[in-house]
Amino acid sequence: MSWGSWQAFWAMGGYGLYVWGSVGVVFALIGLEVLGLVARRRGALRAVAQARQLKEAGNASRARVAARASQGAP
């Protein structure tokens, strides 16, 4: 298509509201998808950090139990 002016470009032959409304909806949905991905990534990183802390805490308590056992304490 060839438009003679910017006004004709924005009007899109009388379908401008439909065309630009659709473009706006697409960009809004892409933005929501990006926000959702960021939120899921943060949640996954938080879960990994929590699992790492639990594992380290478990290793520390096992070390304390082993130290007590080697000293003969109940």
Protein backbone atom coordinates (compact mmCIF):
# COMPACT_ATOMS: atom_id res chain seq x y z
CA MET A 1 0.00 0.00 0.00
CA SER A 2 1.05 3.54 -0.63
CA TRP A 3 -0.13 6.44 1.49
CA GLY A 4 -0.04 10.01 0.32
CA SER A 5 0.26 11.46 3.82
CA TRP A 6 0.73 10.54 7.45
CA GLN A 7 -2.96 11.13 8.03
CA ALA A 8 -3.79 8.53 5.39
CA PHE A 9 -1.29 6.15 6.97
CA TRP A 10 -2.92 6.45 10.41
CA ALA A 11 -6.41 6.16 8.89
CA MET A 12 -5.43 2.94 7.07
CA GLY A 13 -8.17 3.36 4.49
CA GLY A 14 -10.86 3.69 7.15
CA TYR A 15 -9.67 0.68 9.16
CA GLY A 16 -7.22 2.57 11.35
CA LEU A 17 -9.13 2.03 14.58
CA TYR A 18 -9.18 -1.75 14.02
CA VAL A 19 -5.55 -1.93 12.84
CA TRP A 20 -4.03 0.27 15.54
CA GLY A 21 -6.28 -1.20 18.23
CA SER A 22 -5.02 -4.65 17.26
CA VAL A 23 -1.42 -3.47 17.31
CA GLY A 24 -1.99 -2.00 20.77
CA VAL A 25 -3.50 -5.24 22.08
CA VAL A 26 -0.57 -7.26 20.69
CA PHE A 27 2.00 -4.99 22.36
CA ALA A 28 0.05 -5.06 25.63
CA LEU A 29 -0.03 -8.87 25.58
CA ILE A 30 3.67 -9.07 24.78
CA GLY A 31 4.34 -6.73 27.72
CA LEU A 32 2.24 -8.91 30.03
CA GLU A 33 4.11 -11.99 28.83
CA VAL A 34 7.45 -10.35 29.61
CA LEU A 35 6.23 -9.37 33.08
CA GLY A 36 5.03 -12.93 33.67
CA LEU A 37 8.39 -14.35 32.60
CA VAL A 38 10.24 -11.97 34.92
CA ALA A 39 7.99 -12.95 37.83
CA ARG A 40 8.45 -16.68 37.16
CA ARG A 41 12.22 -16.24 36.89
CA ARG A 42 12.34 -14.42 40.22
CA GLY A 43 10.24 -17.15 41.81
CA ALA A 44 12.50 -19.87 40.44
CA LEU A 45 15.63 -18.09 41.65
CA ARG A 46 14.03 -17.62 45.06
CA ALA A 47 13.15 -21.34 45.21
CA VAL A 48 16.71 -22.34 44.27
CA ALA A 49 18.16 -20.03 46.94
CA GLN A 50 15.77 -21.42 49.55
CA ALA A 51 16.63 -25.01 48.60
CA ARG A 52 20.33 -24.17 48.83
CA GLN A 53 19.86 -22.66 52.30
CA LEU A 54 17.91 -25.71 53.47
CA LYS A 55 20.60 -28.01 52.12
CA GLU A 56 23.36 -26.02 53.84
CA ALA A 57 21.39 -26.00 57.10
CA GLY A 58 20.93 -29.77 56.82
CA ASN A 59 24.64 -30.28 56.21
CA ALA A 60 25.49 -28.12 59.23
CA SER A 61 23.14 -30.07 61.52
CA ARG A 62 24.58 -33.37 60.26
CA ALA A 63 28.07 -32.09 61.04
CA ARG A 64 26.97 -31.19 64.59
CA VAL A 65 25.45 -34.64 65.09
CA ALA A 66 28.61 -36.30 63.77
CA ALA A 67 30.79 -34.17 66.07
CA ARG A 68 28.69 -35.11 69.09
CA ALA A 69 28.81 -38.79 68.14
CA SER A 70 32.58 -38.72 67.78
CA GLN A 71 32.89 -37.17 71.25
CA GLY A 72 30.66 -39.83 72.76
CA ALA A 73 27.87 -37.43 73.73
CA PRO A 74 24.28 -38.71 73.43
